[in-house]
Amino acid sequence: MEHRRRLILAIFVVLLFAFCSGRELKVKHKHKHIDHFPIYNHTLATILVEYASAVYMSDLTELFTWTCSRCDDLTEGFEIIELIVDIQHCLQVHFLLVHHGFYNAYHNTTLRPGILNAVKRAKEYYGDLDIMVTGHSMGGAIAAFCGLDLTVNHKAKNVMVMTFGQPRIGNAAFASYYSQCVPNTIRVTNDHDIVPHLPPYYSYFPQKTYHHFPREVWLYNVGLGSLVYTVEKVCDVTGEDPTCSRSVSGTSISDHIIYYGVELMAETWRSCGIVMDSRVKEYGKTDLKGNFVLSRDPASPILKLKTEAYGGGNHV
C-alpha cells in the first residue's frame, strides 16, 4: 500500500494559565452514528506529543535542523519545511462566543499567514497531503482554530487535530459547529490537569458557559503503590463527558506538563528567549516587528549543521 505523506503542524505557546471571569446544554452533531467519530490511536498520540514537546526548545538552529535533544526517538528523521516565530506575541509554530484571546492568537498574528503559505508550498511539491495539527495548552487551542480554518476557509481535506491539555475555546454552539467541520479531532487530557478545566464549565448556564468539543481521551492512573498503570479512556461524543476529566478537580500543574511521560515545557523559563546560529539566519525573513520565518525548499537537501560545534549562537 502506498505510503501517504503527512504534513504535521505543531503549535507552541510559551506559557498560559488563563482564568476567565438550569439544565445542561447538549452538543448537537451532524453525524448520528458513532462510527463517524475519530478512532483513538495510542501510537499516533505518543508520536504527536513528541512534536508538541520539541517546539518548547529555545535553540532554533537545533529545531530547524531537527537535531535537538527532543528531536529523536519516535520523531527521528523529521524534516522541517518552515519554522514560524512570532516574537511580538511569543508564539512559535513548525511544520512537519469564541474565546477572543485564543482566536486572535491564531488569526491576528503572523502564525496564520505563515501556516497557510507553508501548507500551500508543501502541497505544490508533495501533492495531496494528510494534515495533522497538534499543540499543547494554548498551543492546543490555536491548533484547533488552525484545523477549523484549513477545513472551512481553505477546503483542506483529511485534516486531523490532536491536542494535549487544551483549554475550552468556545460555547456549545461553537463546539457543535467545530465537531461538524473537523470531526477527526482528539483532545487528550491528563488526570487532574488544570488547563482543560479552564475557562470554567457551568452546567446551569448552558447558553453562556464555555464547552469542550469532542472527542476527549482522558488519561488517569489506577492502582496503588508500585502496581499503578495508566488508563486511556475514550470519552463520549458530548465533549463534556461527566465521567472523564470533569469527574475530578482540575488542580494540577504537574499533570499539565507531562503527557505520556513526555515533558511539555521549556528547559528554562524566560520571556520568549531563543537562540539561533548565524548560519541559519540566511534561511529566514524578518518583519519590522522582529517576527521571522525560517523556510526551506522541500526539494532542497536537508540542512546539515554541526550544532554542537557552534558554541551557543546568537540570542534573539
C-alpha atoms as a PDB file:
ATOM      1  CA  MET A   1       0.000   0.000   0.000  1.00  0.00           C
ATOM      2  CA  GLU A   2       1.321   3.428  -0.955  1.00  0.00           C
ATOM      3  CA  HIS A   3       2.659   5.459   1.946  1.00  0.00           C
ATOM      4  CA  ARG A   4       0.838   8.787   2.213  1.00  0.00           C
ATOM      5  CA  ARG A   5       2.862  11.830   3.118  1.00  0.00           C
ATOM      6  CA  ARG A   6       1.675  13.746   6.134  1.00  0.00           C
ATOM      7  CA  LEU A   7       2.129  17.402   6.895  1.00  0.00           C
ATOM      8  CA  ILE A   8       2.421  17.929  10.633  1.00  0.00           C
ATOM      9  CA  LEU A   9       1.833  21.343  12.158  1.00  0.00           C
ATOM     10  CA  ALA A  10       2.956  21.679  15.753  1.00  0.00           C
ATOM     11  CA  ILE A  11       1.963  24.840  17.557  1.00  0.00           C
ATOM     12  CA  PHE A  12       3.518  26.146  20.744  1.00  0.00           C
ATOM     13  CA  VAL A  13       2.926  28.996  23.141  1.00  0.00           C
ATOM     14  CA  VAL A  14       5.401  29.648  25.936  1.00  0.00           C
ATOM     15  CA  LEU A  15       3.017  29.607  28.895  1.00  0.00           C
ATOM     16  CA  LEU A  16      -0.666  30.034  29.551  1.00  0.00           C
ATOM     17  CA  PHE A  17      -2.838  29.699  32.589  1.00  0.00           C
ATOM     18  CA  ALA A  18      -5.926  31.690  31.552  1.00  0.00           C
ATOM     19  CA  PHE A  19      -8.681  32.371  34.040  1.00  0.00           C
ATOM     20  CA  CYS A  20     -11.918  33.912  32.780  1.00  0.00           C
ATOM     21  CA  SER A  21     -14.051  35.613  34.778  1.00  0.00           C
ATOM     22  CA  GLY A  22     -30.610  25.388  34.758  1.00  0.00           C
ATOM     23  CA  ARG A  23     -30.039  22.464  32.556  1.00  0.00           C
ATOM     24  CA  GLU A  24     -27.014  21.235  30.694  1.00  0.00           C
ATOM     25  CA  LEU A  25     -26.878  22.107  27.004  1.00  0.00           C
ATOM     26  CA  LYS A  26     -26.064  19.150  24.772  1.00  0.00           C
ATOM     27  CA  VAL A  27     -23.807  19.460  21.775  1.00  0.00           C
ATOM     28  CA  LYS A  28     -25.612  18.528  18.575  1.00  0.00           C
ATOM     29  CA  HIS A  29     -23.784  16.568  15.914  1.00  0.00           C
ATOM     30  CA  LYS A  30     -24.468  16.257  12.231  1.00  0.00           C
ATOM     31  CA  HIS A  31     -23.122  12.711  12.308  1.00  0.00           C
ATOM     32  CA  LYS A  32     -25.593  10.431  14.034  1.00  0.00           C
ATOM     33  CA  HIS A  33     -23.515   7.277  14.154  1.00  0.00           C
ATOM     34  CA  ILE A  34     -20.578   6.789  16.451  1.00  0.00           C
ATOM     35  CA  ASP A  35     -18.548   5.337  13.563  1.00  0.00           C
ATOM     36  CA  HIS A  36     -18.166   8.845  12.139  1.00  0.00           C
ATOM     37  CA  PHE A  37     -16.106   9.990  15.111  1.00  0.00           C
ATOM     38  CA  PRO A  38     -12.324   9.538  15.213  1.00  0.00           C
ATOM     39  CA  ILE A  39     -10.726   6.363  16.469  1.00  0.00           C
ATOM     40  CA  TYR A  40      -8.128   6.977  19.144  1.00  0.00           C
ATOM     41  CA  ASN A  41      -4.676   5.733  18.159  1.00  0.00           C
ATOM     42  CA  HIS A  42      -2.281   5.399  21.087  1.00  0.00           C
ATOM     43  CA  THR A  43       0.817   5.089  18.897  1.00  0.00           C
ATOM     44  CA  LEU A  44      -0.035   8.228  16.942  1.00  0.00           C
ATOM     45  CA  ALA A  45      -0.660  10.126  20.192  1.00  0.00           C
ATOM     46  CA  THR A  46       2.770   9.198  21.551  1.00  0.00           C
ATOM     47  CA  ILE A  47       4.363  10.420  18.308  1.00  0.00           C
ATOM     48  CA  LEU A  48       2.488  13.719  18.129  1.00  0.00           C
ATOM     49  CA  VAL A  49       3.160  14.548  21.776  1.00  0.00           C
ATOM     50  CA  GLU A  50       6.882  14.431  20.970  1.00  0.00           C
ATOM     51  CA  TYR A  51       6.384  17.064  18.265  1.00  0.00           C
ATOM     52  CA  ALA A  52       4.427  19.181  20.741  1.00  0.00           C
ATOM     53  CA  SER A  53       7.302  18.803  23.196  1.00  0.00           C
ATOM     54  CA  ALA A  54      10.065  19.648  20.705  1.00  0.00           C
ATOM     55  CA  VAL A  55       8.731  23.117  19.958  1.00  0.00           C
ATOM     56  CA  TYR A  56       9.447  24.152  23.538  1.00  0.00           C
ATOM     57  CA  MET A  57      13.153  24.079  22.678  1.00  0.00           C
ATOM     58  CA  SER A  58      14.711  27.544  22.568  1.00  0.00           C
ATOM     59  CA  ASP A  59      17.584  26.709  20.193  1.00  0.00           C
ATOM     60  CA  LEU A  60      16.116  27.382  16.757  1.00  0.00           C
ATOM     61  CA  THR A  61      19.189  26.013  14.996  1.00  0.00           C
ATOM     62  CA  GLU A  62      18.689  22.610  16.570  1.00  0.00           C
ATOM     63  CA  LEU A  63      14.952  22.810  15.972  1.00  0.00           C
ATOM     64  CA  PHE A  64      15.204  23.860  12.316  1.00  0.00           C
ATOM     65  CA  THR A  65      17.771  21.132  11.605  1.00  0.00           C
ATOM     66  CA  TRP A  66      15.833  18.682  13.808  1.00  0.00           C
ATOM     67  CA  THR A  67      18.873  17.819  15.915  1.00  0.00           C
ATOM     68  CA  CYS A  68      17.585  18.936  19.336  1.00  0.00           C
ATOM     69  CA  SER A  69      17.553  16.660  22.365  1.00  0.00           C
ATOM     70  CA  ARG A  70      13.800  16.111  21.864  1.00  0.00           C
ATOM     71  CA  CYS A  71      14.081  15.568  18.104  1.00  0.00           C
ATOM     72  CA  ASP A  72      14.898  11.875  18.154  1.00  0.00           C
ATOM     73  CA  ASP A  73      13.086   8.791  19.406  1.00  0.00           C
ATOM     74  CA  LEU A  74       9.724   8.453  17.587  1.00  0.00           C
ATOM     75  CA  THR A  75      10.215  11.635  15.507  1.00  0.00           C
ATOM     76  CA  GLU A  76      13.747  10.910  14.305  1.00  0.00           C
ATOM     77  CA  GLY A  77      14.315  11.839  10.668  1.00  0.00           C
ATOM     78  CA  PHE A  78      11.600  14.500  10.534  1.00  0.00           C
ATOM     79  CA  GLU A  79      12.193  17.307   8.019  1.00  0.00           C
ATOM     80  CA  ILE A  80      11.082  20.851   8.816  1.00  0.00           C
ATOM     81  CA  ILE A  81       9.776  22.926   5.919  1.00  0.00           C
ATOM     82  CA  GLU A  82       9.027  26.095   7.832  1.00  0.00           C
ATOM     83  CA  LEU A  83       9.555  27.445  11.336  1.00  0.00           C
ATOM     84  CA  ILE A  84       7.480  30.497  12.255  1.00  0.00           C
ATOM     85  CA  VAL A  85       8.349  32.605  15.290  1.00  0.00           C
ATOM     86  CA  ASP A  86       6.059  35.441  16.399  1.00  0.00           C
ATOM     87  CA  ILE A  87       8.352  37.434  18.675  1.00  0.00           C
ATOM     88  CA  GLN A  88       5.726  40.109  19.261  1.00  0.00           C
ATOM     89  CA  HIS A  89       3.308  37.655  20.874  1.00  0.00           C
ATOM     90  CA  CYS A  90       5.872  34.986  21.843  1.00  0.00           C
ATOM     91  CA  LEU A  91       4.331  32.287  19.641  1.00  0.00           C
ATOM     92  CA  GLN A  92       6.110  29.547  17.752  1.00  0.00           C
ATOM     93  CA  VAL A  93       4.903  27.033  15.191  1.00  0.00           C
ATOM     94  CA  HIS A  94       6.604  24.486  12.971  1.00  0.00           C
ATOM     95  CA  PHE A  95       5.519  22.089  10.227  1.00  0.00           C
ATOM     96  CA  LEU A  96       6.032  18.598   9.877  1.00  0.00           C
ATOM     97  CA  LEU A  97     -18.632  33.027  21.563  1.00  0.00           C
ATOM     98  CA  VAL A  98     -15.477  32.111  20.837  1.00  0.00           C
ATOM     99  CA  HIS A  99     -12.662  32.970  23.243  1.00  0.00           C
ATOM    100  CA  HIS A 100     -11.206  36.075  21.601  1.00  0.00           C
ATOM    101  CA  GLY A 101      -7.764  35.677  23.129  1.00  0.00           C
ATOM    102  CA  PHE A 102      -7.256  32.225  21.624  1.00  0.00           C
ATOM    103  CA  TYR A 103      -8.938  33.244  18.368  1.00  0.00           C
ATOM    104  CA  ASN A 104      -6.744  36.311  17.975  1.00  0.00           C
ATOM    105  CA  ALA A 105      -3.586  34.368  18.825  1.00  0.00           C
ATOM    106  CA  TYR A 106      -4.119  32.449  15.598  1.00  0.00           C
ATOM    107  CA  HIS A 107      -5.987  34.836  13.304  1.00  0.00           C
ATOM    108  CA  ASN A 108      -4.336  38.155  14.192  1.00  0.00           C
ATOM    109  CA  THR A 109      -0.668  37.197  14.427  1.00  0.00           C
ATOM    110  CA  THR A 110       1.990  36.088  11.956  1.00  0.00           C
ATOM    111  CA  LEU A 111       1.056  32.442  12.528  1.00  0.00           C
ATOM    112  CA  ARG A 112      -1.921  32.226  10.173  1.00  0.00           C
ATOM    113  CA  PRO A 113      -0.308  33.658   7.012  1.00  0.00           C
ATOM    114  CA  GLY A 114       2.856  31.681   7.709  1.00  0.00           C
ATOM    115  CA  ILE A 115       0.943  28.434   8.138  1.00  0.00           C
ATOM    116  CA  LEU A 116      -1.197  28.943   5.036  1.00  0.00           C
ATOM    117  CA  ASN A 117       1.867  29.728   2.941  1.00  0.00           C
ATOM    118  CA  ALA A 118       3.708  26.646   4.189  1.00  0.00           C
ATOM    119  CA  VAL A 119       0.714  24.388   3.544  1.00  0.00           C
ATOM    120  CA  LYS A 120       0.430  25.791   0.013  1.00  0.00           C
ATOM    121  CA  ARG A 121       4.133  25.192  -0.712  1.00  0.00           C
ATOM    122  CA  ALA A 122       4.016  21.684   0.698  1.00  0.00           C
ATOM    123  CA  LYS A 123       1.005  20.780  -1.442  1.00  0.00           C
ATOM    124  CA  GLU A 124       2.642  22.206  -4.548  1.00  0.00           C
ATOM    125  CA  TYR A 125       5.640  19.944  -4.003  1.00  0.00           C
ATOM    126  CA  TYR A 126       4.135  16.799  -2.485  1.00  0.00           C
ATOM    127  CA  GLY A 127       0.620  16.904  -3.926  1.00  0.00           C
ATOM    128  CA  ASP A 128      -2.340  15.815  -1.813  1.00  0.00           C
ATOM    129  CA  LEU A 129      -1.480  15.591   1.860  1.00  0.00           C
ATOM    130  CA  ASP A 130      -2.948  14.412   5.113  1.00  0.00           C
ATOM    131  CA  ILE A 131      -2.621  17.351   7.513  1.00  0.00           C
ATOM    132  CA  MET A 132      -2.153  16.770  11.232  1.00  0.00           C
ATOM    133  CA  VAL A 133      -2.305  19.757  13.578  1.00  0.00           C
ATOM    134  CA  THR A 134      -1.103  19.390  17.141  1.00  0.00           C
ATOM    135  CA  GLY A 135      -0.329  21.598  20.111  1.00  0.00           C
ATOM    136  CA  HIS A 136      -0.196  21.730  23.878  1.00  0.00           C
ATOM    137  CA  SER A 137      -2.011  24.080  26.270  1.00  0.00           C
ATOM    138  CA  MET A 138      -2.770  27.365  24.481  1.00  0.00           C
ATOM    139  CA  GLY A 139      -0.974  25.846  21.507  1.00  0.00           C
ATOM    140  CA  GLY A 140      -3.751  23.251  21.503  1.00  0.00           C
ATOM    141  CA  ALA A 141      -6.366  25.992  21.378  1.00  0.00           C
ATOM    142  CA  ILE A 142      -4.591  27.629  18.443  1.00  0.00           C
ATOM    143  CA  ALA A 143      -4.222  24.232  16.756  1.00  0.00           C
ATOM    144  CA  ALA A 144      -7.999  23.777  16.904  1.00  0.00           C
ATOM    145  CA  PHE A 145      -8.599  27.158  15.242  1.00  0.00           C
ATOM    146  CA  CYS A 146      -5.973  26.292  12.644  1.00  0.00           C
ATOM    147  CA  GLY A 147      -7.655  22.970  11.806  1.00  0.00           C
ATOM    148  CA  LEU A 148     -11.018  24.707  11.508  1.00  0.00           C
ATOM    149  CA  ASP A 149      -9.573  27.448   9.299  1.00  0.00           C
ATOM    150  CA  LEU A 150      -7.880  24.975   6.958  1.00  0.00           C
ATOM    151  CA  THR A 151     -11.090  22.963   6.617  1.00  0.00           C
ATOM    152  CA  VAL A 152     -13.688  25.711   6.316  1.00  0.00           C
ATOM    153  CA  ASN A 153     -11.881  28.573   4.602  1.00  0.00           C
ATOM    154  CA  HIS A 154      -9.299  26.699   2.558  1.00  0.00           C
ATOM    155  CA  LYS A 155     -11.176  23.482   1.772  1.00  0.00           C
ATOM    156  CA  ALA A 156      -8.390  21.269   3.038  1.00  0.00           C
ATOM    157  CA  LYS A 157      -9.264  17.591   3.190  1.00  0.00           C
ATOM    158  CA  ASN A 158      -8.033  14.893   5.557  1.00  0.00           C
ATOM    159  CA  VAL A 159      -7.343  17.326   8.405  1.00  0.00           C
ATOM    160  CA  MET A 160      -6.765  15.756  11.808  1.00  0.00           C
ATOM    161  CA  VAL A 161      -6.339  17.695  15.052  1.00  0.00           C
ATOM    162  CA  MET A 162      -4.885  16.197  18.227  1.00  0.00           C
ATOM    163  CA  THR A 163      -4.254  18.427  21.216  1.00  0.00           C
ATOM    164  CA  PHE A 164      -2.845  17.911  24.690  1.00  0.00           C
ATOM    165  CA  GLY A 165      -4.078  19.794  27.764  1.00  0.00           C
ATOM    166  CA  GLN A 166      -6.197  22.195  25.722  1.00  0.00           C
ATOM    167  CA  PRO A 167      -8.461  24.784  27.392  1.00  0.00           C
ATOM    168  CA  ARG A 168     -12.067  25.385  26.339  1.00  0.00           C
ATOM    169  CA  ILE A 169     -12.281  27.827  23.422  1.00  0.00           C
ATOM    170  CA  GLY A 170     -15.995  28.393  22.751  1.00  0.00           C
ATOM    171  CA  ASN A 171     -19.568  27.741  23.814  1.00  0.00           C
ATOM    172  CA  ALA A 172     -21.800  24.746  22.985  1.00  0.00           C
ATOM    173  CA  ALA A 173     -22.869  26.248  19.651  1.00  0.00           C
ATOM    174  CA  PHE A 174     -19.245  26.612  18.631  1.00  0.00           C
ATOM    175  CA  ALA A 175     -18.446  23.083  19.840  1.00  0.00           C
ATOM    176  CA  SER A 176     -21.256  21.690  17.646  1.00  0.00           C
ATOM    177  CA  TYR A 177     -20.053  23.666  14.630  1.00  0.00           C
ATOM    178  CA  TYR A 178     -16.451  22.621  15.199  1.00  0.00           C
ATOM    179  CA  SER A 179     -17.259  18.917  15.546  1.00  0.00           C
ATOM    180  CA  GLN A 180     -19.229  19.004  12.287  1.00  0.00           C
ATOM    181  CA  CYS A 181     -16.403  20.697  10.393  1.00  0.00           C
ATOM    182  CA  VAL A 182     -13.412  18.898  11.940  1.00  0.00           C
ATOM    183  CA  PRO A 183     -14.796  15.569  13.192  1.00  0.00           C
ATOM    184  CA  ASN A 184     -11.367  13.937  13.181  1.00  0.00           C
ATOM    185  CA  THR A 185     -10.294  15.617  16.407  1.00  0.00           C
ATOM    186  CA  ILE A 186      -8.915  14.148  19.621  1.00  0.00           C
ATOM    187  CA  ARG A 187      -8.391  16.168  22.814  1.00  0.00           C
ATOM    188  CA  VAL A 188      -6.099  14.326  25.201  1.00  0.00           C
ATOM    189  CA  THR A 189      -6.426  15.313  28.863  1.00  0.00           C
ATOM    190  CA  ASN A 190      -4.273  14.074  31.710  1.00  0.00           C
ATOM    191  CA  ASP A 191      -5.669  13.183  35.126  1.00  0.00           C
ATOM    192  CA  HIS A 192      -6.127  16.398  37.179  1.00  0.00           C
ATOM    193  CA  ASP A 193      -4.573  18.759  34.604  1.00  0.00           C
ATOM    194  CA  ILE A 194      -5.796  22.262  35.454  1.00  0.00           C
ATOM    195  CA  VAL A 195      -5.939  23.759  31.946  1.00  0.00           C
ATOM    196  CA  PRO A 196      -8.736  21.621  30.383  1.00  0.00           C
ATOM    197  CA  HIS A 197     -10.948  22.912  33.223  1.00  0.00           C
ATOM    198  CA  LEU A 198     -10.450  26.491  32.026  1.00  0.00           C
ATOM    199  CA  PRO A 199     -12.361  28.638  31.346  1.00  0.00           C
ATOM    200  CA  PRO A 200     -14.825  27.053  33.827  1.00  0.00           C
ATOM    201  CA  TYR A 201     -17.818  24.971  32.742  1.00  0.00           C
ATOM    202  CA  TYR A 202     -21.180  25.828  34.336  1.00  0.00           C
ATOM    203  CA  SER A 203     -23.885  23.255  33.588  1.00  0.00           C
ATOM    204  CA  TYR A 204     -26.613  25.556  34.921  1.00  0.00           C
ATOM    205  CA  PHE A 205     -25.798  28.331  32.424  1.00  0.00           C
ATOM    206  CA  PRO A 206     -25.898  26.387  29.147  1.00  0.00           C
ATOM    207  CA  GLN A 207     -26.060  29.418  26.846  1.00  0.00           C
ATOM    208  CA  LYS A 208     -23.186  31.260  28.491  1.00  0.00           C
ATOM    209  CA  THR A 209     -20.714  28.619  29.608  1.00  0.00           C
ATOM    210  CA  TYR A 210     -17.647  27.507  27.684  1.00  0.00           C
ATOM    211  CA  HIS A 211     -17.953  23.991  26.290  1.00  0.00           C
ATOM    212  CA  HIS A 212     -15.366  21.492  25.007  1.00  0.00           C
ATOM    213  CA  PHE A 213     -15.802  19.849  21.635  1.00  0.00           C
ATOM    214  CA  PRO A 214     -15.373  16.064  21.284  1.00  0.00           C
ATOM    215  CA  ARG A 215     -13.656  13.742  21.413  1.00  0.00           C
ATOM    216  CA  GLU A 216     -11.799  13.620  24.709  1.00  0.00           C
ATOM    217  CA  VAL A 217      -9.371  10.875  25.687  1.00  0.00           C
ATOM    218  CA  TRP A 218      -8.727  11.036  29.416  1.00  0.00           C
ATOM    219  CA  LEU A 219      -5.513   9.607  30.864  1.00  0.00           C
ATOM    220  CA  TYR A 220      -5.639   8.666  34.532  1.00  0.00           C
ATOM    221  CA  ASN A 221      -3.830   6.324  36.887  1.00  0.00           C
ATOM    222  CA  VAL A 222      -5.313   3.450  38.842  1.00  0.00           C
ATOM    223  CA  GLY A 223      -3.735   1.127  41.356  1.00  0.00           C
ATOM    224  CA  LEU A 224      -1.696   1.516  44.493  1.00  0.00           C
ATOM    225  CA  GLY A 225       1.999   1.726  45.271  1.00  0.00           C
ATOM    226  CA  SER A 226       4.096   0.022  42.604  1.00  0.00           C
ATOM    227  CA  LEU A 227       1.017  -1.500  40.964  1.00  0.00           C
ATOM    228  CA  VAL A 228      -0.049   1.618  39.114  1.00  0.00           C
ATOM    229  CA  TYR A 229      -0.982   1.751  35.457  1.00  0.00           C
ATOM    230  CA  THR A 230      -2.459   4.376  33.171  1.00  0.00           C
ATOM    231  CA  VAL A 231      -5.953   4.063  31.743  1.00  0.00           C
ATOM    232  CA  GLU A 232      -6.673   5.766  28.424  1.00  0.00           C
ATOM    233  CA  LYS A 233     -10.416   6.304  28.443  1.00  0.00           C
ATOM    234  CA  VAL A 234     -12.182   7.287  25.214  1.00  0.00           C
ATOM    235  CA  CYS A 235     -14.988   9.594  26.346  1.00  0.00           C
ATOM    236  CA  ASP A 236     -18.464  10.161  24.917  1.00  0.00           C
ATOM    237  CA  VAL A 237     -19.376  12.404  21.978  1.00  0.00           C
ATOM    238  CA  THR A 238     -20.669  15.356  24.013  1.00  0.00           C
ATOM    239  CA  GLY A 239     -17.260  16.904  24.636  1.00  0.00           C
ATOM    240  CA  GLU A 240     -18.162  17.268  28.305  1.00  0.00           C
ATOM    241  CA  ASP A 241     -18.362  13.653  29.480  1.00  0.00           C
ATOM    242  CA  PRO A 242     -19.015  13.847  33.251  1.00  0.00           C
ATOM    243  CA  THR A 243     -17.165  10.546  33.758  1.00  0.00           C
ATOM    244  CA  CYS A 244     -13.904  11.811  32.246  1.00  0.00           C
ATOM    245  CA  SER A 245     -11.743  14.772  33.303  1.00  0.00           C
ATOM    246  CA  ARG A 246     -14.838  16.611  34.532  1.00  0.00           C
ATOM    247  CA  SER A 247     -15.228  13.908  37.178  1.00  0.00           C
ATOM    248  CA  VAL A 248     -12.150  15.199  39.038  1.00  0.00           C
ATOM    249  CA  SER A 249     -10.937  18.562  40.235  1.00  0.00           C
ATOM    250  CA  GLY A 250      -8.622  20.356  37.850  1.00  0.00           C
ATOM    251  CA  THR A 251      -5.939  21.491  40.235  1.00  0.00           C
ATOM    252  CA  SER A 252      -2.671  20.047  38.970  1.00  0.00           C
ATOM    253  CA  ILE A 253       0.051  21.913  37.109  1.00  0.00           C
ATOM    254  CA  SER A 254       2.344  18.875  37.116  1.00  0.00           C
ATOM    255  CA  ASP A 255      -0.314  16.860  35.246  1.00  0.00           C
ATOM    256  CA  HIS A 256      -0.349  19.638  32.643  1.00  0.00           C
ATOM    257  CA  ILE A 257       3.333  19.498  31.771  1.00  0.00           C
ATOM    258  CA  ILE A 258       3.799  15.739  31.377  1.00  0.00           C
ATOM    259  CA  TYR A 259       1.776  13.649  28.908  1.00  0.00           C
ATOM    260  CA  TYR A 260       2.663  10.023  28.107  1.00  0.00           C
ATOM    261  CA  GLY A 261       5.844  10.544  30.110  1.00  0.00           C
ATOM    262  CA  VAL A 262       6.957  13.374  27.801  1.00  0.00           C
ATOM    263  CA  GLU A 263       7.803  16.816  29.199  1.00  0.00           C
ATOM    264  CA  LEU A 264       5.809  19.677  27.683  1.00  0.00           C
ATOM    265  CA  MET A 265       7.657  22.694  28.994  1.00  0.00           C
ATOM    266  CA  ALA A 266      10.758  24.738  28.296  1.00  0.00           C
ATOM    267  CA  GLU A 267      14.021  23.580  29.856  1.00  0.00           C
ATOM    268  CA  THR A 268      14.472  27.063  31.325  1.00  0.00           C
ATOM    269  CA  TRP A 269      11.729  29.666  31.730  1.00  0.00           C
ATOM    270  CA  ARG A 270      12.475  33.042  30.248  1.00  0.00           C
ATOM    271  CA  SER A 271      10.481  35.593  28.302  1.00  0.00           C
ATOM    272  CA  CYS A 272      10.491  34.328  24.715  1.00  0.00           C
ATOM    273  CA  GLY A 273      14.225  33.586  24.904  1.00  0.00           C
ATOM    274  CA  ILE A 274      15.524  31.845  21.802  1.00  0.00           C
ATOM    275  CA  VAL A 275      18.980  31.086  20.387  1.00  0.00           C
ATOM    276  CA  MET A 276      19.894  30.875  16.715  1.00  0.00           C
ATOM    277  CA  ASP A 277      23.109  30.209  14.803  1.00  0.00           C
ATOM    278  CA  SER A 278      24.021  32.952  12.312  1.00  0.00           C
ATOM    279  CA  ARG A 279      24.295  30.318   9.566  1.00  0.00           C
ATOM    280  CA  VAL A 280      20.582  29.597   9.899  1.00  0.00           C
ATOM    281  CA  LYS A 281      19.580  33.238   9.511  1.00  0.00           C
ATOM    282  CA  GLU A 282      20.142  33.049   5.762  1.00  0.00           C
ATOM    283  CA  TYR A 283      17.039  30.836   5.634  1.00  0.00           C
ATOM    284  CA  GLY A 284      14.946  33.465   7.395  1.00  0.00           C
ATOM    285  CA  LYS A 285      12.853  36.531   6.730  1.00  0.00           C
ATOM    286  CA  THR A 286      12.122  39.109   9.426  1.00  0.00           C
ATOM    287  CA  ASP A 287       9.378  41.741   9.515  1.00  0.00           C
ATOM    288  CA  LEU A 288       9.520  45.200  11.109  1.00  0.00           C
ATOM    289  CA  LYS A 289       8.250  43.852  14.436  1.00  0.00           C
ATOM    290  CA  GLY A 290      11.015  41.260  14.707  1.00  0.00           C
ATOM    291  CA  ASN A 291       8.836  38.266  13.811  1.00  0.00           C
ATOM    292  CA  PHE A 292      10.541  35.867  11.472  1.00  0.00           C
ATOM    293  CA  VAL A 293      10.151  32.704   9.409  1.00  0.00           C
ATOM    294  CA  LEU A 294      12.836  30.115   8.720  1.00  0.00           C
ATOM    295  CA  SER A 295      11.975  28.411   5.448  1.00  0.00           C
ATOM    296  CA  ARG A 296      13.448  25.545   3.433  1.00  0.00           C
ATOM    297  CA  ASP A 297      12.558  24.482  -0.096  1.00  0.00           C
ATOM    298  CA  PRO A 298      11.107  20.937   0.197  1.00  0.00           C
ATOM    299  CA  ALA A 299      13.107  19.984  -2.904  1.00  0.00           C
ATOM    300  CA  SER A 300      16.429  21.078  -1.383  1.00  0.00           C
ATOM    301  CA  PRO A 301      18.692  18.762   0.627  1.00  0.00           C
ATOM    302  CA  ILE A 302      18.088  18.545   4.337  1.00  0.00           C
ATOM    303  CA  LEU A 303      20.023  21.239   6.172  1.00  0.00           C
ATOM    304  CA  LYS A 304      23.082  19.790   7.888  1.00  0.00           C
ATOM    305  CA  LEU A 305      24.815  21.740  10.643  1.00  0.00           C
ATOM    306  CA  LYS A 306      27.119  20.559  13.382  1.00  0.00           C
ATOM    307  CA  THR A 307      25.075  22.289  16.025  1.00  0.00           C
ATOM    308  CA  GLU A 308      27.257  21.084  18.862  1.00  0.00           C
ATOM    309  CA  ALA A 309      30.249  22.943  17.453  1.00  0.00           C
ATOM    310  CA  TYR A 310      28.993  26.482  17.095  1.00  0.00           C
ATOM    311  CA  GLY A 311      29.118  27.287  20.804  1.00  0.00           C
ATOM    312  CA  GLY A 312      25.758  28.810  21.517  1.00  0.00           C
ATOM    313  CA  GLY A 313      24.889  31.117  18.647  1.00  0.00           C
ATOM    314  CA  ASN A 314      23.033  34.381  18.944  1.00  0.00           C
ATOM    315  CA  HIS A 315      20.278  35.199  21.408  1.00  0.00           C
ATOM    316  CA  VAL A 316      17.104  36.699  19.949  1.00  0.00           C
END
